[in-house]
Amino acid sequence: MNAPVILGWARSAVIPVGGALGALAAHEIGAPVLRGLLARFGIPAGAVDAVVVGNALGAGGNPARMVALAAGLADRSAALSVDTQCCAGLDAVSIAAGLLASGGASVVVAGGVEAWSRAPIRQHRPRHAAERPVDYDRPAFAPDPERDPDLLHAAARQAALLSISRSRQDAFAAESHARALALRDRMMAQEIVPIGDATHDSYARPLTPARMARMPIAASAEAAPPDAIDRPDTAVSRLAIAPRADGAAFVVMATPQAAAALQLTPHFRWLGGASVGVAPEMPMLAAAEAASALLQRARLGVDALWGLELHEAFAVQALDFIQTLGIDPARLNRGGGGLGRGHPIGASGAISLVRLLSDMQCDAPPGAHGLAAIAGAGGVGAAGLVQRL
């Protein structure tokens, strides 16, 4: 098979906004991770032909080029930046695979980086002298405002439509925290490149029932559906939302021929990626759509997967993903997900992939398959499929 292979992977710790990575620009987070990845797997920097980096909040420029140069890659290395919001880090890996398949490169670094703490202040420029600039937090993700809900409201609406109670959402989030805490030491050793004091994911914490009950409500459905009589409380609490965060993650991909020429060991085969769209009013459905499309293309059932990672920005999204695909919840996000880690938007999909690779490298048998998936604002989804060699 001539499918691209994965030679190495690494990520930073994921740190909530204002924490240990809060003073760093995107390239100052991404470059140490890239250097550490190359050193850890013995990959020569001079062999890298291109860097593909997802980034959602940089507001222009070319973050991929900044990361490549700050990491000490050759000036000749191509640099492509990707913005599909939450999906950007995983879409970057699919794009890198396309570069390799087309012959445009032999070795590519791909992933994502986000410095949410240092995101630019955004304003809409005045259209005439009498108009003032207008601050905004996020751009439009659909041209029709009626089809472009705030993501909190979209999560609350999804919970109401599917009768996913607050208690179920909070319980799922608490389990994500518990799994992240249980795996903390192993994550440090296997996948995290320390950056200063940022040596481990810092958000996860033990959650008692009393502490969970004190979590404030972040959103609830404004209007219940017509058949909502006797439905449970489906409000979305702060616990059931992944916090804003900073972080980066990358993989190194190559053609099998390049890996052999460099005498480097391929650890995984990239079997394909999927990028899909769904109705923008229901953006959280897109991860399941992407995963289903990719599995169908690969002619694999979900039961054939050894590992399954979903970046869940909201607990309701993960619960619907589990139900739609018919997954045993114990198989999803073995080391916790975004709820117990954080959400550095443009990097989150790549972080999920790195988590998957680390788990599979430790415990999965040769030939095992794994899938990572994520949904993004505007009704887009991405997924990637790998096989351990």
Protein backbone atom coordinates (compact mmCIF):
# COMPACT_ATOMS: atom_id res chain seq x y z
CA MET A 1 0.00 0.00 0.00
CA ASN A 2 1.20 3.49 -0.82
CA ALA A 3 -0.93 5.36 1.72
CA PRO A 4 0.90 8.05 3.74
CA VAL A 5 2.51 6.90 6.96
CA ILE A 6 2.85 8.68 10.30
CA LEU A 7 6.39 8.91 11.64
CA GLY A 8 5.74 10.80 14.88
CA TRP A 9 3.34 12.91 16.91
CA ALA A 10 3.36 15.28 19.87
CA ARG A 11 1.37 18.04 21.48
CA SER A 12 1.63 20.71 24.10
CA ALA A 13 -0.29 20.65 27.33
CA VAL A 14 -3.76 22.14 26.95
CA ILE A 15 -4.05 25.13 29.28
CA PRO A 16 -7.17 27.26 29.87
CA VAL A 17 -7.01 30.87 28.68
CA GLY A 18 -4.82 33.08 30.85
CA GLY A 19 -2.78 30.17 32.21
CA ALA A 20 0.80 29.02 31.71
CA LEU A 21 0.68 29.57 27.92
CA GLY A 22 -1.29 32.80 28.12
CA ALA A 23 1.57 35.18 27.25
CA LEU A 24 2.67 33.27 24.14
CA ALA A 25 1.78 33.90 20.50
CA ALA A 26 0.68 30.96 18.35
CA HIS A 27 4.13 30.33 16.87
CA GLU A 28 5.68 30.48 20.34
CA ILE A 29 3.43 27.58 21.36
CA GLY A 30 3.71 25.64 18.11
CA ALA A 31 7.48 25.87 17.50
CA PRO A 32 8.63 24.10 20.72
CA VAL A 33 6.15 21.30 20.08
CA LEU A 34 7.42 20.86 16.53
CA ARG A 35 11.07 20.88 17.60
CA GLY A 36 10.35 18.41 20.40
CA LEU A 37 8.46 16.11 18.02
CA LEU A 38 11.31 16.00 15.51
CA ALA A 39 13.88 15.34 18.24
CA ARG A 40 11.77 12.68 19.96
CA PHE A 41 11.36 10.60 16.80
CA GLY A 42 14.75 11.35 15.22
CA ILE A 43 13.31 13.13 12.19
CA PRO A 44 15.75 15.57 10.56
CA ALA A 45 14.35 19.10 10.24
CA GLY A 46 15.89 19.39 6.79
CA ALA A 47 13.69 16.57 5.51
CA VAL A 48 10.44 18.50 6.06
CA ASP A 49 9.06 19.77 2.75
CA ALA A 50 5.94 21.50 4.02
CA VAL A 51 4.00 22.50 7.13
CA VAL A 52 0.19 22.59 7.21
CA VAL A 53 -1.26 24.25 10.30
CA GLY A 54 -4.83 24.79 11.44
CA ASN A 55 -5.56 28.04 13.26
CA ALA A 56 -8.91 29.72 13.93
CA LEU A 57 -8.22 32.91 15.88
CA GLY A 58 -5.06 34.36 14.35
CA ALA A 59 -7.03 36.81 12.19
CA GLY A 60 -4.95 36.48 9.05
CA GLY A 61 -1.27 36.20 8.24
CA ASN A 62 0.23 32.75 7.78
CA PRO A 63 0.60 31.00 11.15
CA ALA A 64 2.07 27.93 9.47
CA ARG A 65 4.99 29.96 8.14
CA MET A 66 5.56 31.55 11.54
CA VAL A 67 5.65 28.11 13.20
CA ALA A 68 7.97 26.66 10.54
CA LEU A 69 10.51 29.46 10.77
CA ALA A 70 10.38 29.69 14.57
CA ALA A 71 10.98 25.94 14.77
CA GLY A 72 14.10 26.24 12.62
CA LEU A 73 12.83 24.48 9.51
CA ALA A 74 14.51 25.26 6.19
CA ASP A 75 13.45 28.46 4.44
CA ARG A 76 12.43 26.33 1.46
CA SER A 77 9.69 24.57 3.45
CA ALA A 78 6.23 25.38 2.14
CA ALA A 79 3.69 26.64 4.68
CA LEU A 80 -0.08 26.39 4.38
CA SER A 81 -2.51 27.73 7.01
CA VAL A 82 -6.02 26.26 7.33
CA ASP A 83 -9.08 27.83 8.95
CA THR A 84 -12.10 25.57 9.23
CA GLN A 85 -12.51 26.66 12.85
CA CYS A 86 -12.71 23.65 15.21
CA CYS A 87 -11.99 21.23 12.35
CA ALA A 88 -8.84 23.03 11.22
CA GLY A 89 -6.24 20.87 12.98
CA LEU A 90 -7.67 17.61 11.64
CA ASP A 91 -8.40 19.05 8.20
CA ALA A 92 -4.73 20.11 8.05
CA VAL A 93 -3.72 16.45 8.37
CA SER A 94 -6.03 15.45 5.52
CA ILE A 95 -4.59 18.24 3.37
CA ALA A 96 -1.07 17.06 4.19
CA ALA A 97 -2.00 13.55 3.08
CA GLY A 98 -3.20 15.04 -0.20
CA LEU A 99 0.13 16.81 -0.68
CA LEU A 100 1.95 13.52 -0.21
CA ALA A 101 -0.39 11.60 -2.52
CA SER A 102 -0.05 14.21 -5.27
CA GLY A 103 3.74 14.16 -5.19
CA GLY A 104 3.90 17.75 -3.96
CA ALA A 105 5.89 16.74 -0.89
CA SER A 106 7.56 13.71 0.66
CA VAL A 107 7.56 14.69 4.35
CA VAL A 108 4.95 17.02 5.86
CA VAL A 109 4.25 18.33 9.36
CA ALA A 110 0.52 18.83 9.97
CA GLY A 111 -1.69 19.81 12.89
CA GLY A 112 -2.95 22.90 14.63
CA VAL A 113 -2.11 25.65 17.08
CA GLU A 114 -4.20 28.16 18.98
CA ALA A 115 -3.19 31.02 21.27
CA TRP A 116 -6.71 31.97 22.38
CA SER A 117 -5.24 34.08 25.20
CA ARG A 118 -3.53 36.29 22.60
CA ALA A 119 -6.34 36.37 20.02
CA PRO A 120 -6.61 39.78 18.34
CA ILE A 121 -9.36 42.19 19.34
CA ARG A 122 -11.82 42.16 16.44
CA GLN A 123 -13.78 45.03 14.94
CA HIS A 124 -15.91 45.53 11.86
CA ARG A 125 -14.52 48.50 9.92
CA PRO A 126 -16.90 51.48 9.51
CA ARG A 127 -18.55 51.73 6.09
CA HIS A 128 -18.75 55.54 6.22
CA ALA A 129 -17.49 58.45 8.31
CA ALA A 130 -20.60 58.61 10.51
CA GLU A 131 -20.34 54.97 11.54
CA ARG A 132 -18.24 53.69 14.43
CA PRO A 133 -16.26 50.43 14.48
CA VAL A 134 -18.23 47.52 15.93
CA ASP A 135 -16.51 45.01 18.22
CA TYR A 136 -17.31 41.34 17.67
CA ASP A 137 -16.22 38.11 19.28
CA ARG A 138 -16.82 35.70 16.41
CA PRO A 139 -17.40 36.04 12.66
CA ALA A 140 -20.53 34.85 10.90
CA PHE A 141 -20.54 31.15 10.00
CA ALA A 142 -23.63 31.25 7.75
CA PRO A 143 -24.81 34.14 5.55
CA ASP A 144 -28.36 33.96 6.94
CA PRO A 145 -28.40 35.02 10.63
CA GLU A 146 -31.36 32.72 11.20
CA ARG A 147 -29.12 29.78 10.27
CA ASP A 148 -26.16 30.94 12.37
CA PRO A 149 -27.00 30.30 16.03
CA ASP A 150 -24.68 30.98 18.91
CA LEU A 151 -23.06 27.63 19.69
CA LEU A 152 -24.30 27.65 23.27
CA HIS A 153 -27.85 28.07 22.02
CA ALA A 154 -27.30 25.34 19.42
CA ALA A 155 -26.17 22.97 22.17
CA ALA A 156 -29.17 23.83 24.32
CA ARG A 157 -31.53 23.33 21.38
CA GLN A 158 -29.96 19.97 20.57
CA ALA A 159 -30.32 18.88 24.20
CA ALA A 160 -34.00 19.87 24.21
CA LEU A 161 -34.79 18.21 20.88
CA LEU A 162 -33.12 14.96 21.94
CA SER A 163 -34.26 15.07 25.60
CA ILE A 164 -30.67 14.89 26.85
CA SER A 165 -30.96 15.98 30.46
CA ARG A 166 -28.60 18.25 32.32
CA SER A 167 -27.82 15.40 34.72
CA ARG A 168 -26.69 13.15 31.82
CA GLN A 169 -24.59 15.93 30.35
CA ASP A 170 -22.94 16.72 33.69
CA ALA A 171 -22.29 13.06 34.42
CA PHE A 172 -20.58 12.63 31.05
CA ALA A 173 -18.43 15.72 31.69
CA ALA A 174 -17.46 14.44 35.14
CA GLU A 175 -16.33 11.16 33.59
CA SER A 176 -14.20 13.11 31.08
CA HIS A 177 -12.49 14.88 34.00
CA ALA A 178 -11.94 11.59 35.82
CA ARG A 179 -10.38 9.92 32.79
CA ALA A 180 -8.13 12.90 32.12
CA LEU A 181 -6.91 12.85 35.72
CA ALA A 182 -6.26 9.09 35.59
CA LEU A 183 -4.14 9.43 32.46
CA ARG A 184 -2.27 12.62 33.37
CA ASP A 185 1.13 11.09 34.13
CA ARG A 186 1.02 8.81 31.10
CA MET A 187 0.13 11.71 28.81
CA MET A 188 3.14 13.66 30.01
CA ALA A 189 5.50 10.81 29.19
CA GLN A 190 4.00 9.75 25.86
CA GLU A 191 2.85 12.83 24.03
CA ILE A 192 3.34 16.22 25.72
CA VAL A 193 6.28 18.50 24.94
CA PRO A 194 6.73 20.77 27.99
CA ILE A 195 6.70 24.52 27.39
CA GLY A 196 7.94 26.29 30.51
CA ASP A 197 5.57 25.43 33.36
CA ALA A 198 3.02 23.92 30.98
CA THR A 199 3.90 20.27 31.52
CA HIS A 200 0.44 18.68 31.74
CA ASP A 201 -3.20 19.42 31.01
CA SER A 202 -4.24 21.58 33.92
CA TYR A 203 -8.02 21.79 33.73
CA ALA A 204 -9.25 18.38 34.92
CA ARG A 205 -10.30 18.13 38.57
CA PRO A 206 -12.21 15.79 40.89
CA LEU A 207 -15.92 16.60 40.77
CA THR A 208 -18.22 15.83 43.68
CA PRO A 209 -22.02 15.85 43.29
CA ALA A 210 -22.17 18.99 45.42
CA ARG A 211 -19.66 20.78 43.22
CA MET A 212 -21.49 19.70 40.07
CA ALA A 213 -24.80 20.96 41.44
CA ARG A 214 -23.29 24.41 41.99
CA MET A 215 -22.28 24.81 38.34
CA PRO A 216 -24.30 27.65 36.78
CA ILE A 217 -26.51 27.19 33.74
CA ALA A 218 -24.88 28.55 30.58
CA ALA A 219 -27.81 28.14 28.18
CA SER A 220 -31.24 26.58 27.86
CA ALA A 221 -33.59 26.20 24.92
CA GLU A 222 -35.56 29.42 24.44
CA ALA A 223 -38.61 27.58 23.20
CA ALA A 224 -39.29 23.93 23.93
CA PRO A 225 -40.42 21.75 21.01
CA PRO A 226 -44.19 21.08 20.78
CA ASP A 227 -43.88 17.60 22.26
CA ALA A 228 -41.70 18.69 25.18
CA ILE A 229 -44.32 18.02 27.88
CA ASP A 230 -42.82 16.07 30.79
CA ARG A 231 -39.34 16.20 29.25
CA PRO A 232 -36.41 16.48 31.67
CA ASP A 233 -34.43 19.61 32.45
CA THR A 234 -32.11 19.88 29.42
CA ALA A 235 -30.24 23.06 30.33
CA VAL A 236 -26.52 23.17 29.50
CA SER A 237 -24.34 23.88 32.52
CA ARG A 238 -20.83 25.32 32.51
CA LEU A 239 -19.51 21.87 33.42
CA ALA A 240 -20.83 20.45 30.14
CA ILE A 241 -18.84 22.92 27.97
CA ALA A 242 -15.16 22.64 27.09
CA PRO A 243 -13.29 25.72 28.35
CA ARG A 244 -11.39 28.11 26.12
CA ALA A 245 -7.75 27.08 25.98
CA ASP A 246 -4.31 27.42 24.37
CA GLY A 247 -2.35 24.55 22.83
CA ALA A 248 -0.80 22.87 19.80
CA ALA A 249 -0.44 19.40 18.28
CA PHE A 250 1.34 18.01 15.22
CA VAL A 251 2.05 14.78 13.38
CA VAL A 252 4.80 14.08 10.85
CA MET A 253 3.58 12.28 7.73
CA ALA A 254 5.58 10.89 4.85
CA THR A 255 5.37 8.70 1.80
CA PRO A 256 6.52 5.12 2.49
CA GLN A 257 9.41 5.69 0.09
CA ALA A 258 10.59 8.80 1.98
CA ALA A 259 10.39 6.97 5.30
CA ALA A 260 12.53 4.16 3.91
CA ALA A 261 15.06 6.58 2.40
CA LEU A 262 15.40 8.39 5.74
CA GLN A 263 15.59 5.05 7.60
CA LEU A 264 12.69 6.13 9.82
CA THR A 265 10.10 3.76 11.31
CA PRO A 266 6.48 4.26 10.21
CA HIS A 267 4.19 3.72 13.19
CA PHE A 268 0.78 4.24 11.57
CA ARG A 269 -0.80 4.27 8.15
CA TRP A 270 -3.17 7.15 7.33
CA LEU A 271 -6.19 5.47 5.72
CA GLY A 272 -8.08 8.64 4.90
CA GLY A 273 -9.90 11.72 6.07
CA ALA A 274 -13.40 13.08 5.62
CA SER A 275 -14.67 16.65 5.65
CA VAL A 276 -18.44 17.11 5.52
CA GLY A 277 -21.15 19.71 5.96
CA VAL A 278 -24.53 19.56 7.71
CA ALA A 279 -27.26 22.11 8.40
CA PRO A 280 -25.54 25.06 10.12
CA GLU A 281 -28.36 25.23 12.66
CA MET A 282 -27.24 21.84 14.06
CA PRO A 283 -23.42 22.02 13.87
CA MET A 284 -22.78 19.37 16.50
CA LEU A 285 -24.18 16.63 14.29
CA ALA A 286 -21.29 17.06 11.84
CA ALA A 287 -18.76 14.91 13.72
CA ALA A 288 -21.00 11.85 13.52
CA GLU A 289 -21.65 12.53 9.83
CA ALA A 290 -17.91 12.76 9.10
CA ALA A 291 -17.15 9.59 11.06
CA SER A 292 -19.95 7.67 9.34
CA ALA A 293 -18.86 8.82 5.89
CA LEU A 294 -15.27 7.79 6.52
CA LEU A 295 -16.17 4.39 7.92
CA GLN A 296 -18.47 3.72 4.99
CA ARG A 297 -15.73 4.65 2.54
CA ALA A 298 -13.27 2.35 4.34
CA ARG A 299 -15.89 -0.42 4.58
CA LEU A 300 -15.41 -0.67 8.32
CA GLY A 301 -17.99 -0.92 11.07
CA VAL A 302 -17.62 1.08 14.25
CA ASP A 303 -17.04 -2.19 16.15
CA ALA A 304 -13.87 -2.70 14.09
CA LEU A 305 -12.26 0.35 15.72
CA TRP A 306 -9.82 -0.20 18.56
CA GLY A 307 -9.73 3.50 19.42
CA LEU A 308 -12.22 6.34 18.98
CA GLU A 309 -11.55 9.98 19.84
CA LEU A 310 -14.10 12.76 19.63
CA HIS A 311 -13.31 16.32 20.56
CA GLU A 312 -16.49 17.16 22.41
CA ALA A 313 -16.95 20.90 22.83
CA PHE A 314 -20.26 20.08 24.55
CA ALA A 315 -21.39 17.00 26.45
CA VAL A 316 -24.64 16.92 24.50
CA GLN A 317 -22.61 16.57 21.30
CA ALA A 318 -20.76 13.53 22.63
CA LEU A 319 -23.93 11.86 23.92
CA ASP A 320 -25.58 12.25 20.52
CA PHE A 321 -22.41 10.97 18.79
CA ILE A 322 -22.47 7.85 20.98
CA GLN A 323 -26.13 7.21 20.24
CA THR A 324 -25.90 7.90 16.49
CA LEU A 325 -22.95 5.59 15.92
CA GLY A 326 -24.01 2.96 18.45
CA ILE A 327 -20.82 3.20 20.51
CA ASP A 328 -20.13 1.76 23.93
CA PRO A 329 -19.37 4.94 25.94
CA ALA A 330 -16.41 3.22 27.59
CA ARG A 331 -14.64 3.08 24.20
CA LEU A 332 -14.82 6.82 23.52
CA ASN A 333 -12.03 9.15 24.68
CA ARG A 334 -10.17 6.70 26.94
CA GLY A 335 -8.10 9.54 28.41
CA GLY A 336 -10.90 12.10 28.60
CA GLY A 337 -11.90 14.61 25.95
CA GLY A 338 -12.22 18.33 25.50
CA LEU A 339 -14.58 18.64 28.46
CA GLY A 340 -11.82 17.54 30.82
CA ARG A 341 -8.99 19.14 28.87
CA GLY A 342 -10.06 22.35 27.10
CA HIS A 343 -10.71 23.63 23.58
CA PRO A 344 -7.87 25.40 21.73
CA ILE A 345 -10.06 25.74 18.65
CA GLY A 346 -7.72 25.32 15.68
CA ALA A 347 -5.65 22.68 17.49
CA SER A 348 -8.42 20.56 19.03
CA GLY A 349 -8.84 18.11 16.15
CA ALA A 350 -5.09 17.51 15.95
CA ILE A 351 -4.94 17.02 19.73
CA SER A 352 -7.62 14.34 19.47
CA LEU A 353 -5.57 12.60 16.78
CA VAL A 354 -2.40 12.75 18.88
CA ARG A 355 -4.32 11.32 21.86
CA LEU A 356 -5.52 8.48 19.64
CA LEU A 357 -2.03 7.71 18.34
CA SER A 358 -0.52 7.72 21.83
CA ASP A 359 -3.13 5.33 23.19
CA MET A 360 -2.81 3.00 20.21
CA GLN A 361 0.98 3.00 20.30
CA CYS A 362 0.86 1.90 23.94
CA ASP A 363 -1.92 -0.65 23.89
CA ALA A 364 -3.31 -1.50 20.44
CA PRO A 365 -2.12 -4.57 18.50
CA PRO A 366 -0.61 -4.23 15.02
CA GLY A 367 -3.31 -3.84 12.40
CA ALA A 368 -5.72 -2.11 14.80
CA HIS A 369 -7.77 0.81 13.52
CA GLY A 370 -8.55 4.11 15.19
CA LEU A 371 -10.67 7.13 14.30
CA ALA A 372 -10.65 10.77 15.43
CA ALA A 373 -13.54 13.16 14.76
CA ILE A 374 -14.61 16.74 15.45
CA ALA A 375 -17.40 19.16 14.56
CA GLY A 376 -17.09 22.87 13.87
CA ALA A 377 -19.11 26.06 13.78
CA GLY A 378 -21.14 26.58 10.64
CA GLY A 379 -22.07 22.90 10.34
CA VAL A 380 -18.77 21.34 9.28
CA GLY A 381 -17.21 18.10 10.47
CA ALA A 382 -13.93 16.24 10.04
CA ALA A 383 -12.65 12.75 10.76
CA GLY A 384 -9.44 10.80 10.24
CA LEU A 385 -8.77 7.05 10.14
CA VAL A 386 -5.46 5.37 11.01
CA GLN A 387 -4.08 1.85 11.28
CA ARG A 388 -1.25 0.78 13.54
CA LEU A 389 1.68 -0.84 11.71
